[in-house]
N, C-alpha and C. Protein backbone atom coordinates (compact mmCIF):
# COMPACT_ATOMS: atom_id res chain seq x y z
N MET A 1 0.48 -0.87 -0.18
CA MET A 1 -0.16 0.09 -0.14
C MET A 1 0.95 1.24 -0.43
N PHE A 2 2.07 1.15 1.05
CA PHE A 2 2.76 2.26 0.47
C PHE A 2 3.18 2.30 -0.30
N PHE A 3 4.21 1.79 -0.91
CA PHE A 3 4.50 1.70 -1.91
C PHE A 3 3.54 1.69 -3.38
N ARG A 4 1.95 2.09 -2.88
CA ARG A 4 1.49 2.14 -4.35
C ARG A 4 0.77 3.96 -4.40
N LEU A 5 0.83 3.91 -3.30
CA LEU A 5 0.44 5.76 -2.42
C LEU A 5 1.95 6.77 -2.94
N ILE A 6 2.74 6.11 -3.13
CA ILE A 6 3.77 6.91 -3.88
C ILE A 6 3.90 6.82 -5.42
N PHE A 7 3.17 5.89 -6.26
CA PHE A 7 3.04 6.49 -7.66
C PHE A 7 1.85 7.37 -7.18
N PHE A 8 0.79 6.28 -6.69
CA PHE A 8 -0.53 8.73 -6.55
C PHE A 8 0.79 9.45 -6.47
N ASP A 9 1.21 9.85 -5.75
CA ASP A 9 2.06 11.11 -5.69
C ASP A 9 2.33 11.08 -6.80
N ILE A 10 3.34 10.72 -7.50
CA ILE A 10 3.98 11.19 -8.37
C ILE A 10 2.33 10.60 -9.41
N SER A 11 1.66 10.01 -9.78
CA SER A 11 0.79 10.26 -10.44
C SER A 11 0.29 12.35 -10.75
N ALA A 12 0.19 12.53 -9.41
CA ALA A 12 -0.44 14.08 -8.51
C ALA A 12 0.33 14.91 -9.79
N ILE A 13 1.70 14.69 -9.64
CA ILE A 13 3.11 15.17 -10.70
C ILE A 13 2.70 15.77 -11.64
N LYS A 14 3.29 13.75 -11.96
CA LYS A 14 2.53 13.76 -13.55
C LYS A 14 1.65 14.35 -14.13
N LYS A 15 0.61 14.50 -14.21
CA LYS A 15 -1.11 14.21 -14.87
C LYS A 15 -1.01 16.41 -14.97
N ARG A 16 -0.32 16.46 -14.30
CA ARG A 16 -0.42 18.31 -15.09
C ARG A 16 0.12 18.39 -16.06
N LYS A 17 1.50 17.88 -16.53
CA LYS A 17 2.20 17.74 -18.13
C LYS A 17 1.38 17.08 -18.90
N THR A 18 1.13 15.22 -18.83
CA THR A 18 1.13 14.77 -19.77
C THR A 18 -0.11 15.37 -20.67
N ALA A 19 -0.58 16.04 -19.53
CA ALA A 19 -1.85 16.34 -21.22
C ALA A 19 -0.92 17.91 -22.18
N GLU A 20 0.04 18.52 -21.71
CA GLU A 20 0.37 19.22 -22.97
C GLU A 20 2.07 18.31 -22.99
N GLY A 21 1.15 16.68 -23.53
CA GLY A 21 2.74 16.73 -24.59
C GLY A 21 3.96 16.81 -24.56
N ILE A 22 4.42 16.74 -22.59
CA ILE A 22 5.66 16.68 -22.39
C ILE A 22 6.11 15.69 -21.69
N THR A 23 6.88 14.17 -22.43
CA THR A 23 7.30 12.99 -22.40
C THR A 23 8.03 13.22 -21.00
N MET A 24 7.27 11.93 -19.95
CA MET A 24 7.55 11.99 -18.40
C MET A 24 8.74 10.55 -18.65
N LEU A 25 9.00 10.61 -17.24
CA LEU A 25 9.43 8.90 -17.40
C LEU A 25 8.37 8.00 -17.29
N SER A 26 9.00 6.80 -17.78
CA SER A 26 8.29 5.28 -18.32
C SER A 26 7.86 5.10 -16.42
N HIS A 27 6.46 3.81 -16.77
CA HIS A 27 6.18 3.33 -15.41
C HIS A 27 7.09 2.42 -14.68
N ASP A 28 8.41 1.83 -15.76
CA ASP A 28 9.30 1.16 -15.47
C ASP A 28 9.89 1.76 -14.79
N THR A 29 10.60 2.82 -15.03
CA THR A 29 12.22 3.77 -14.89
C THR A 29 11.29 3.76 -13.05
N ILE A 30 10.26 4.75 -12.83
CA ILE A 30 9.53 5.02 -11.93
C ILE A 30 9.98 4.34 -11.08
N ARG A 31 9.26 2.66 -11.72
CA ARG A 31 9.19 1.51 -10.20
C ARG A 31 10.02 1.15 -9.91
N GLN A 32 11.17 1.50 -10.22
CA GLN A 32 12.73 1.49 -10.14
C GLN A 32 13.50 2.12 -9.04
N ALA A 33 13.06 3.52 -9.92
CA ALA A 33 13.12 5.17 -9.34
C ALA A 33 13.01 5.01 -7.47
N VAL A 34 11.70 4.40 -7.23
CA VAL A 34 10.77 4.46 -6.45
C VAL A 34 11.98 3.24 -5.34
N ALA A 35 12.07 2.23 -6.03
CA ALA A 35 12.21 0.44 -5.15
C ALA A 35 13.81 1.46 -4.88
N GLN A 36 14.75 2.52 -5.08
CA GLN A 36 16.17 3.27 -5.05
C GLN A 36 15.65 3.58 -3.61
N ALA A 37 14.69 4.32 -3.45
CA ALA A 37 14.07 5.28 -2.51
C ALA A 37 13.68 4.68 -1.25
N MET A 38 13.00 3.69 -1.69
CA MET A 38 11.97 2.86 -0.68
C MET A 38 13.23 3.41 0.99
N PRO A 39 14.60 2.45 0.91
CA PRO A 39 15.06 2.16 2.48
C PRO A 39 15.38 3.44 3.11
N ALA A 40 15.55 4.77 2.10
CA ALA A 40 15.91 6.54 2.42
C ALA A 40 14.21 6.44 3.66
N THR A 41 13.60 6.00 2.70
CA THR A 41 12.61 7.30 2.58
C THR A 41 11.19 6.28 4.73
N LEU A 42 12.04 4.83 4.31
CA LEU A 42 11.32 4.44 6.24
C LEU A 42 12.04 4.41 6.49
N GLU A 43 13.09 4.92 6.23
CA GLU A 43 14.30 5.89 7.45
C GLU A 43 14.01 6.67 8.35
N ASP A 44 14.09 7.81 7.25
CA ASP A 44 12.74 9.04 6.79
C ASP A 44 11.36 8.91 8.01
N LEU A 45 10.48 7.72 7.64
CA LEU A 45 9.30 7.53 8.45
C LEU A 45 9.80 6.69 9.93
N ALA A 46 10.68 5.92 10.20
CA ALA A 46 10.82 5.47 11.26
C ALA A 46 11.79 7.01 12.50
N ARG A 47 11.95 7.96 11.78
CA ARG A 47 12.68 8.45 12.56
C ARG A 47 11.14 9.35 12.56
N LEU A 48 9.99 9.73 12.37
CA LEU A 48 9.04 10.33 12.35
C LEU A 48 8.60 9.91 13.36
N VAL A 49 8.24 8.37 13.53
CA VAL A 49 7.11 7.58 14.24
C VAL A 49 7.84 8.34 15.36
N ALA A 50 8.71 7.91 15.46
CA ALA A 50 10.02 8.00 17.22
C ALA A 50 9.71 9.33 18.23
N ILE A 51 8.80 10.40 17.17
CA ILE A 51 8.37 11.38 17.83
C ILE A 51 7.21 11.18 18.69
N PRO A 52 6.78 11.17 19.94
CA PRO A 52 5.66 11.39 20.09
C PRO A 52 4.84 13.11 19.61
N SER A 53 4.67 13.48 18.44
CA SER A 53 4.27 14.41 18.56
C SER A 53 2.54 14.70 18.50
N ILE A 54 1.77 14.45 19.82
CA ILE A 54 0.66 14.80 19.87
C ILE A 54 0.49 16.32 20.17
N ALA A 55 -0.46 17.09 19.99
CA ALA A 55 -0.28 18.55 19.89
C ALA A 55 -1.56 18.91 20.79
N THR A 56 -1.66 18.56 21.56
CA THR A 56 -3.01 18.41 22.34
C THR A 56 -2.74 19.14 24.11
N ASP A 57 -3.35 19.67 24.82
CA ASP A 57 -3.17 19.68 26.30
C ASP A 57 -3.38 19.01 26.70
N GLY A 58 -1.84 19.13 28.12
CA GLY A 58 -1.69 17.80 28.06
C GLY A 58 -0.71 17.02 27.76
N PHE A 59 0.24 16.74 26.85
CA PHE A 59 1.13 16.52 26.31
C PHE A 59 2.35 17.97 26.30
N PRO A 60 3.66 17.33 26.33
CA PRO A 60 4.36 18.16 26.41
C PRO A 60 4.59 18.89 25.24
N LYS A 61 5.09 19.99 24.86
CA LYS A 61 5.15 20.40 23.22
C LYS A 61 6.86 20.53 22.72
N GLU A 62 7.53 19.92 23.62
CA GLU A 62 8.24 20.04 23.08
C GLU A 62 8.48 18.59 21.49
N PRO A 63 7.93 17.82 22.06
CA PRO A 63 7.96 17.16 20.92
C PRO A 63 7.23 17.20 19.36
N VAL A 64 6.58 17.54 20.04
CA VAL A 64 5.58 18.45 19.05
C VAL A 64 6.75 19.60 17.98
N VAL A 65 7.51 20.63 18.28
CA VAL A 65 8.45 21.05 18.27
C VAL A 65 9.12 20.10 17.11
N GLU A 66 9.64 19.53 17.61
CA GLU A 66 11.08 18.97 17.86
C GLU A 66 10.26 17.90 15.92
N ALA A 67 9.15 17.75 16.26
CA ALA A 67 8.79 16.84 14.57
C ALA A 67 8.56 17.82 13.43
N ALA A 68 8.57 19.25 13.92
CA ALA A 68 8.43 20.28 12.49
C ALA A 68 10.02 20.46 12.51
N HIS A 69 10.76 20.35 13.51
CA HIS A 69 12.15 20.40 12.63
C HIS A 69 12.78 19.13 11.61
N MET A 70 12.57 17.72 12.62
CA MET A 70 12.39 17.15 11.74
C MET A 70 12.15 16.51 10.15
N THR A 71 10.80 17.46 10.15
CA THR A 71 10.13 17.06 9.59
C THR A 71 10.78 18.41 8.08
N MET A 72 11.36 19.77 8.69
CA MET A 72 12.04 20.14 7.63
C MET A 72 13.11 20.21 7.13
N ASP A 73 14.39 18.91 8.25
CA ASP A 73 15.10 18.08 7.47
C ASP A 73 15.27 17.37 6.67
N ILE A 74 14.12 16.76 7.18
CA ILE A 74 13.66 15.30 5.61
C ILE A 74 13.71 16.35 4.61
N LEU A 75 12.76 17.15 4.49
CA LEU A 75 12.76 17.83 3.07
C LEU A 75 14.12 18.87 3.19
N GLN A 76 14.75 18.54 3.94
CA GLN A 76 15.97 19.43 2.86
C GLN A 76 16.88 18.72 1.94
N ARG A 77 17.08 17.65 2.74
CA ARG A 77 17.48 16.90 2.04
C ARG A 77 17.04 15.84 0.91
N ALA A 78 15.82 16.30 0.79
CA ALA A 78 15.22 15.77 -0.50
C ALA A 78 14.88 17.14 -1.60
N GLY A 79 15.78 17.62 -1.09
CA GLY A 79 15.41 18.77 -2.16
C GLY A 79 15.00 19.97 -2.09
N PHE A 80 13.89 20.40 -1.44
CA PHE A 80 13.15 21.69 -0.98
C PHE A 80 13.55 22.91 -0.47
N GLN A 81 13.39 23.31 -0.99
CA GLN A 81 13.95 25.13 -0.95
C GLN A 81 13.28 25.90 -0.41
N ALA A 82 13.49 26.97 -0.13
CA ALA A 82 12.73 28.42 0.44
C ALA A 82 12.36 27.24 1.86
N LEU A 83 12.73 26.79 2.47
CA LEU A 83 11.94 26.59 4.38
C LEU A 83 11.71 27.10 4.82
N ARG A 84 10.83 27.58 5.63
CA ARG A 84 10.23 27.83 6.73
C ARG A 84 9.70 27.07 8.04
N LEU A 85 9.49 28.31 8.85
CA LEU A 85 8.21 27.23 9.56
C LEU A 85 7.65 28.85 9.43
N LEU A 86 5.94 28.20 9.50
CA LEU A 86 5.08 29.02 8.92
C LEU A 86 3.80 29.17 10.90
N ASP A 87 3.94 30.56 11.67
CA ASP A 87 3.54 30.44 12.43
C ASP A 87 2.50 30.42 12.31
N GLN A 88 1.70 29.57 13.51
CA GLN A 88 -0.58 29.65 12.40
C GLN A 88 -0.75 30.64 14.25
N PRO A 89 -1.73 30.77 14.35
CA PRO A 89 -3.11 32.17 15.04
C PRO A 89 -2.88 31.53 15.92
N THR A 90 -2.98 29.49 16.40
CA THR A 90 -2.79 29.04 17.80
C THR A 90 -2.03 28.08 17.00
N GLY A 91 -1.68 27.34 18.79
CA GLY A 91 -0.87 26.47 18.11
C GLY A 91 0.43 26.26 17.95
N TYR A 92 1.03 25.18 16.57
CA TYR A 92 2.16 25.05 16.68
C TYR A 92 2.16 25.33 15.06
N PRO A 93 3.70 25.41 14.20
CA PRO A 93 3.79 26.40 13.05
C PRO A 93 3.87 25.10 11.93
N ALA A 94 3.72 25.16 10.79
CA ALA A 94 3.54 24.55 9.63
C ALA A 94 4.80 24.85 8.84
N VAL A 95 5.30 23.71 8.04
CA VAL A 95 6.13 23.51 7.50
C VAL A 95 5.94 24.10 5.90
N TYR A 96 7.17 24.90 5.47
CA TYR A 96 6.66 25.13 4.23
C TYR A 96 7.69 25.27 3.45
N GLY A 97 7.91 24.88 2.20
CA GLY A 97 9.05 24.36 1.00
C GLY A 97 8.75 24.46 -0.39
N GLU A 98 9.95 24.46 -1.08
CA GLU A 98 9.31 24.94 -2.83
C GLU A 98 10.68 24.17 -3.61
N ILE A 99 9.95 23.94 -4.34
CA ILE A 99 11.16 23.66 -5.53
C ILE A 99 10.64 23.79 -6.71
N PRO A 100 10.97 24.66 -7.51
CA PRO A 100 11.08 25.13 -8.32
C PRO A 100 10.80 24.15 -9.64
N GLY A 101 10.44 24.35 -10.77
CA GLY A 101 10.14 23.39 -12.28
C GLY A 101 10.07 24.47 -13.14
N PRO A 102 9.93 23.91 -14.20
CA PRO A 102 10.55 24.52 -15.05
C PRO A 102 9.26 25.66 -15.55
N ALA A 103 9.84 27.24 -16.32
CA ALA A 103 9.77 28.13 -16.28
C ALA A 103 8.31 27.39 -16.79
N GLY A 104 7.05 28.79 -16.45
CA GLY A 104 5.77 29.01 -16.95
C GLY A 104 4.60 27.44 -16.63
N ALA A 105 5.26 26.67 -15.51
CA ALA A 105 5.07 24.99 -15.40
C ALA A 105 3.84 25.79 -14.04
N PRO A 106 3.06 25.04 -14.10
CA PRO A 106 1.66 24.85 -12.83
C PRO A 106 3.05 24.61 -11.48
N THR A 107 1.57 24.62 -10.42
CA THR A 107 2.48 24.67 -9.49
C THR A 107 1.45 23.42 -8.82
N VAL A 108 1.97 22.61 -8.37
CA VAL A 108 1.15 20.96 -7.20
C VAL A 108 1.59 21.38 -6.29
N LEU A 109 0.34 21.92 -5.22
CA LEU A 109 0.47 21.60 -3.65
C LEU A 109 0.79 20.27 -2.86
N LEU A 110 1.73 19.95 -2.10
CA LEU A 110 1.04 18.77 -1.74
C LEU A 110 1.69 19.34 -0.12
N TYR A 111 -0.04 18.63 0.76
CA TYR A 111 -0.01 18.40 1.83
C TYR A 111 0.06 16.72 2.55
N ALA A 112 0.53 17.27 3.61
CA ALA A 112 0.53 16.47 4.59
C ALA A 112 0.62 16.95 6.69
N HIS A 113 0.51 16.33 7.78
CA HIS A 113 0.67 16.82 9.09
C HIS A 113 1.59 15.61 9.95
N TYR A 114 2.32 16.69 10.55
CA TYR A 114 3.47 15.61 11.38
C TYR A 114 2.71 15.38 12.71
N ASP A 115 1.47 15.97 13.87
CA ASP A 115 0.88 15.71 14.38
C ASP A 115 0.58 14.38 14.66
N VAL A 116 0.11 13.58 16.16
CA VAL A 116 -0.83 12.06 16.05
C VAL A 116 -1.16 12.41 16.91
N GLN A 117 -2.31 11.41 16.80
CA GLN A 117 -3.59 11.50 18.12
C GLN A 117 -2.45 10.41 19.30
N PRO A 118 -3.07 10.76 20.09
CA PRO A 118 -2.24 9.91 21.76
C PRO A 118 -1.87 8.17 21.55
N ALA A 119 -1.05 7.32 21.42
CA ALA A 119 -1.37 6.20 21.87
C ALA A 119 -2.74 5.13 22.65
N GLY A 120 -2.34 6.05 23.61
CA GLY A 120 -3.83 5.40 24.52
C GLY A 120 -2.85 4.46 25.48
N ASN A 121 -4.39 3.52 25.51
CA ASN A 121 -3.11 2.44 27.00
C ASN A 121 -2.51 1.85 25.88
N VAL A 122 -0.64 2.04 25.91
CA VAL A 122 0.20 1.30 26.20
C VAL A 122 -0.47 0.02 25.80
N GLU A 123 -0.79 -0.99 26.03
CA GLU A 123 -0.88 -1.92 26.98
C GLU A 123 -1.88 -3.20 25.91
N GLU A 124 -2.27 -1.93 24.94
CA GLU A 124 -3.09 -3.07 24.30
C GLU A 124 -2.37 -2.97 22.30
N TRP A 125 -1.50 -2.25 22.55
CA TRP A 125 -0.60 -2.18 21.20
C TRP A 125 -0.05 -3.86 21.47
N ARG A 126 -0.22 -3.82 20.44
CA ARG A 126 1.20 -5.03 20.06
C ARG A 126 2.25 -5.15 19.89
N THR A 127 2.44 -3.71 19.33
CA THR A 127 4.15 -3.57 19.28
C THR A 127 4.02 -1.99 19.47
N PRO A 128 5.34 -1.30 19.83
CA PRO A 128 5.60 0.38 20.59
C PRO A 128 4.96 0.95 19.83
N PRO A 129 4.33 1.64 20.57
CA PRO A 129 3.34 2.75 19.95
C PRO A 129 4.36 3.99 18.51
N PHE A 130 5.84 4.27 19.48
CA PHE A 130 6.25 4.77 18.44
C PHE A 130 7.42 4.55 18.28
N THR A 131 7.17 2.94 17.76
CA THR A 131 8.45 2.90 17.29
C THR A 131 8.33 2.22 15.41
N LEU A 132 8.52 2.67 14.53
CA LEU A 132 8.13 1.62 13.56
C LEU A 132 8.14 0.35 13.11
N THR A 133 7.33 -0.51 13.62
CA THR A 133 7.36 -2.04 13.31
C THR A 133 6.63 -2.50 12.19
N PRO A 134 7.70 -3.60 11.03
CA PRO A 134 7.06 -4.44 10.33
C PRO A 134 6.34 -5.32 10.73
N GLY A 135 5.51 -5.84 10.01
CA GLY A 135 4.19 -6.68 10.54
C GLY A 135 4.77 -8.14 9.18
N GLU A 136 4.36 -9.37 9.69
CA GLU A 136 4.47 -10.53 9.02
C GLU A 136 3.51 -10.01 7.61
N ASN A 137 2.51 -9.34 7.82
CA ASN A 137 1.49 -9.23 6.75
C ASN A 137 2.15 -7.76 5.21
N GLY A 138 3.05 -7.49 5.71
CA GLY A 138 4.07 -6.16 4.72
C GLY A 138 3.02 -4.92 5.27
N ARG A 139 2.71 -5.14 6.10
CA ARG A 139 2.36 -3.73 6.90
C ARG A 139 3.09 -2.72 7.84
N LEU A 140 3.04 -1.59 7.77
CA LEU A 140 4.56 -1.06 9.42
C LEU A 140 3.19 -0.67 10.16
N TYR A 141 3.59 -0.65 11.42
CA TYR A 141 2.84 -0.73 13.01
C TYR A 141 3.41 0.60 12.90
N GLY A 142 2.84 1.61 13.92
CA GLY A 142 3.06 2.93 15.43
C GLY A 142 2.20 4.12 14.58
N ARG A 143 2.24 4.62 15.70
CA ARG A 143 1.36 6.04 15.77
C ARG A 143 1.49 6.70 15.05
N GLY A 144 1.21 7.25 13.69
CA GLY A 144 1.12 7.61 12.90
C GLY A 144 2.37 7.41 11.69
N ALA A 145 1.67 6.38 11.83
CA ALA A 145 3.12 5.38 10.24
C ALA A 145 2.24 5.22 9.26
N ALA A 146 0.90 5.26 9.32
CA ALA A 146 -0.20 5.55 8.15
C ALA A 146 -0.76 7.19 7.96
N ASP A 147 -1.29 7.66 9.28
CA ASP A 147 -1.48 9.19 9.33
C ASP A 147 -0.95 9.61 10.75
N ASP A 148 -0.32 10.91 10.10
CA ASP A 148 -0.63 11.17 8.23
C ASP A 148 1.36 11.65 7.88
N LYS A 149 2.24 11.08 9.22
CA LYS A 149 3.12 10.83 9.24
C LYS A 149 4.11 9.82 7.66
N SER A 150 3.30 9.03 7.40
CA SER A 150 3.98 8.01 6.18
C SER A 150 3.01 10.01 4.73
N GLY A 151 2.58 10.78 5.07
CA GLY A 151 2.13 11.78 4.17
C GLY A 151 3.14 12.00 4.00
N ILE A 152 4.47 12.58 4.70
CA ILE A 152 5.51 13.52 4.56
C ILE A 152 6.62 12.51 3.75
N ALA A 153 6.43 11.31 4.18
CA ALA A 153 7.62 10.51 3.40
C ALA A 153 7.38 9.58 2.60
N ILE A 154 5.52 9.38 1.82
CA ILE A 154 5.55 9.59 0.71
C ILE A 154 6.43 10.84 -0.38
N HIS A 155 5.50 11.92 -0.19
CA HIS A 155 5.81 13.09 -0.97
C HIS A 155 7.44 13.04 -0.99
N VAL A 156 8.35 12.53 0.32
CA VAL A 156 10.09 12.72 0.31
C VAL A 156 9.78 11.48 -1.09
N ALA A 157 9.58 10.51 -0.84
CA ALA A 157 9.62 9.85 -1.97
C ALA A 157 9.87 9.87 -3.37
N ALA A 158 8.67 10.63 -3.78
CA ALA A 158 8.17 10.78 -5.01
C ALA A 158 9.07 11.76 -5.78
N ILE A 159 9.12 12.82 -4.68
CA ILE A 159 10.38 13.98 -4.82
C ILE A 159 12.00 13.72 -5.62
N ARG A 160 12.03 12.05 -4.52
CA ARG A 160 13.03 11.55 -4.95
C ARG A 160 13.51 10.14 -6.21
N SER A 161 12.57 10.19 -6.10
CA SER A 161 12.38 9.16 -7.61
C SER A 161 11.89 10.02 -9.02
N LEU A 162 11.52 11.22 -9.00
CA LEU A 162 11.61 12.31 -10.25
C LEU A 162 12.95 13.03 -10.17
N THR A 163 13.53 12.51 -9.11
CA THR A 163 15.27 13.98 -9.23
C THR A 163 15.72 14.32 -11.05
N GLY A 164 15.55 15.38 -10.84
CA GLY A 164 15.94 16.51 -12.45
C GLY A 164 14.34 16.06 -13.30
N GLN A 165 13.25 15.38 -12.90
CA GLN A 165 12.41 15.48 -13.79
C GLN A 165 11.11 15.78 -13.79
N LEU A 166 11.49 17.01 -13.06
CA LEU A 166 9.91 17.71 -11.79
C LEU A 166 9.34 18.61 -13.60
N PRO A 167 7.97 18.06 -13.86
CA PRO A 167 7.45 18.81 -15.11
C PRO A 167 6.65 20.15 -14.05
N VAL A 168 6.77 20.50 -13.09
CA VAL A 168 5.90 21.13 -12.88
C VAL A 168 6.61 22.45 -11.24
N ASN A 169 6.56 23.19 -10.89
CA ASN A 169 6.70 23.65 -9.95
C ASN A 169 6.02 22.63 -8.61
N ILE A 170 6.53 22.91 -7.25
CA ILE A 170 6.37 22.15 -5.90
C ILE A 170 6.01 23.06 -5.10
N LYS A 171 4.89 23.37 -4.24
CA LYS A 171 5.18 23.65 -2.64
C LYS A 171 4.94 22.87 -1.77
N ILE A 172 5.08 22.16 -0.63
CA ILE A 172 4.58 21.59 0.26
C ILE A 172 3.99 21.94 1.68
N ILE A 173 2.85 21.88 1.99
CA ILE A 173 2.80 22.02 3.93
C ILE A 173 3.05 21.35 4.51
N VAL A 174 3.44 21.24 5.59
CA VAL A 174 2.84 20.05 6.36
C VAL A 174 2.57 20.74 7.82
N GLU A 175 1.50 20.57 7.72
CA GLU A 175 0.26 21.38 9.60
C GLU A 175 1.39 20.27 10.76
N GLY A 176 0.79 21.29 11.78
CA GLY A 176 0.77 20.35 13.03
C GLY A 176 0.22 20.00 14.24
N GLU A 177 -0.92 20.13 13.49
CA GLU A 177 -2.11 20.61 14.68
C GLU A 177 -3.85 20.21 13.72
N GLU A 178 -3.21 19.17 12.55
CA GLU A 178 -4.61 19.00 11.99
C GLU A 178 -5.61 18.02 12.63
N GLU A 179 -4.74 17.12 13.89
CA GLU A 179 -5.73 16.17 14.38
C GLU A 179 -6.33 16.71 15.75
N PHE A 180 -6.18 18.37 16.00
CA PHE A 180 -7.12 18.71 17.20
C PHE A 180 -7.11 20.23 17.37
N GLY A 181 -7.86 20.67 16.12
CA GLY A 181 -8.41 21.95 15.85
C GLY A 181 -7.80 22.33 14.92
N SER A 182 -7.06 22.66 13.63
CA SER A 182 -6.53 22.88 12.91
C SER A 182 -6.64 24.89 12.91
N SER A 183 -5.46 25.18 12.29
CA SER A 183 -5.93 26.48 12.62
C SER A 183 -5.18 27.20 11.06
N LEU A 184 -4.86 25.61 10.40
CA LEU A 184 -4.66 26.47 9.18
C LEU A 184 -4.98 27.26 7.85
N GLU A 185 -5.87 27.43 8.01
CA GLU A 185 -7.21 27.51 7.48
C GLU A 185 -6.95 29.30 7.38
N ALA A 186 -7.55 29.57 8.42
CA ALA A 186 -6.89 30.64 8.95
C ALA A 186 -5.93 31.41 8.32
N TYR A 187 -5.00 30.78 8.68
CA TYR A 187 -3.81 31.21 7.87
C TYR A 187 -3.64 31.21 5.89
N VAL A 188 -4.37 30.05 5.51
CA VAL A 188 -4.52 30.41 4.32
C VAL A 188 -5.15 32.02 3.80
N SER A 189 -6.35 31.76 4.05
CA SER A 189 -6.98 33.45 3.58
C SER A 189 -6.53 34.69 4.69
N ALA A 190 -5.40 34.18 5.50
CA ALA A 190 -4.22 35.56 5.74
C ALA A 190 -3.27 35.68 4.56
N HIS A 191 -2.86 34.71 3.82
CA HIS A 191 -1.16 34.40 3.37
C HIS A 191 -1.57 33.34 2.11
N PRO A 192 -2.92 33.95 0.87
CA PRO A 192 -3.17 34.07 -0.07
C PRO A 192 -1.97 33.69 -1.14
N THR A 193 -1.53 34.09 -0.77
CA THR A 193 0.00 33.83 -2.52
C THR A 193 0.90 32.93 -1.91
N TYR A 194 1.03 31.89 -1.01
CA TYR A 194 1.86 31.40 -0.56
C TYR A 194 1.49 29.68 -0.98
N PHE A 195 -0.25 29.87 -1.41
CA PHE A 195 -1.09 28.57 -2.14
C PHE A 195 -2.32 28.82 -3.46
N LYS A 196 -1.64 30.22 -4.18
CA LYS A 196 -2.39 29.70 -5.18
C LYS A 196 -1.60 30.91 -5.98
N PRO A 197 -2.08 30.05 -7.94
CA PRO A 197 -2.54 29.65 -8.21
C PRO A 197 -2.07 28.50 -7.89
N MET A 198 -2.98 27.18 -7.95
CA MET A 198 -2.09 25.96 -7.97
C MET A 198 -3.04 24.55 -7.92
N TRP A 199 -2.62 23.31 -7.76
CA TRP A 199 -3.09 22.14 -8.09
C TRP A 199 -2.90 21.58 -6.33
N TRP A 200 -3.67 20.66 -5.53
CA TRP A 200 -3.36 19.96 -4.56
C TRP A 200 -3.12 18.58 -4.31
N TRP A 201 -2.32 17.96 -3.77
CA TRP A 201 -2.47 16.67 -3.77
C TRP A 201 -2.19 16.47 -1.99
N SER A 202 -2.99 15.73 -2.06
CA SER A 202 -2.91 14.45 -0.27
C SER A 202 -2.89 13.22 -0.21
N PRO A 203 -2.21 12.28 0.24
CA PRO A 203 -2.35 11.13 -0.08
C PRO A 203 -3.46 10.79 1.63
N MET A 204 -3.82 11.69 1.92
CA MET A 204 -4.42 11.62 3.32
C MET A 204 -6.36 11.50 2.54
N ALA A 205 -6.50 12.19 1.57
CA ALA A 205 -7.85 12.07 0.34
C ALA A 205 -7.46 11.51 -0.18
N ALA A 206 -6.39 11.15 -1.33
CA ALA A 206 -5.98 10.18 -2.31
C ALA A 206 -6.88 11.20 -3.05
N THR A 207 -6.88 12.38 -3.49
CA THR A 207 -7.82 12.53 -4.23
C THR A 207 -6.66 14.32 -4.81
N ILE A 208 -7.39 14.58 -5.98
CA ILE A 208 -6.11 16.04 -6.78
C ILE A 208 -7.52 17.19 -6.86
N GLY A 209 -7.43 18.62 -6.29
CA GLY A 209 -8.07 19.00 -6.16
C GLY A 209 -7.45 20.42 -6.97
N SER A 210 -8.66 20.84 -7.43
CA SER A 210 -8.17 22.46 -8.15
C SER A 210 -7.98 23.80 -7.02
N ALA A 211 -6.74 24.78 -6.34
CA ALA A 211 -8.02 25.82 -5.34
C ALA A 211 -8.31 27.08 -6.56
N SER A 212 -8.70 27.29 -5.78
CA SER A 212 -10.09 28.47 -6.21
C SER A 212 -8.96 29.69 -6.43
N ARG A 213 -8.89 30.19 -8.12
CA ARG A 213 -8.16 31.51 -8.23
C ARG A 213 -8.90 32.54 -8.47
N SER A 214 -8.33 33.71 -7.62
CA SER A 214 -8.97 35.45 -7.79
C SER A 214 -8.22 36.41 -8.41
């Protein structure tokens, strides 16, 4: 499933240009590139899952801030530029970055979040909640291994797999309080230049949409 979602991510980037007749990498070439990117991708995911970034009252703030900086580090190593922490009206900062594409190309906005739900009763877990653990069924277990630290890892894997072949401009926003009352919507309204006009993609929804233009 994780491998398949990376392909969805790449498709979201690719489809903005294939309609314009620009040749992209073949399916087999991308498959090989994704396979080569997987070890680093799983390492990134393990580092993120290890941080109990629970962004709500009653839990320490330091791990959430650590997750924000860890996200910035991972994005920087993947080639993102203009990285910054965007302070939100309430709560924790969002991480923002860009990768420029060809002149005149459209822009794809990638979304994920680095905060997670509490682990609950640890005794009910079959594996340590903040340790990325492979299962016999091929799944990966750990708090945030799916929702949504995998979203960060999937975006990064897609970018690594398309290195030097990006047909579009890329922007990414990774927020830190999606699970407990996001203030990102208010930030987007107050800072529209970061977010439009563009196409957006989130592996959480597995959908592609168009931002409104003004």
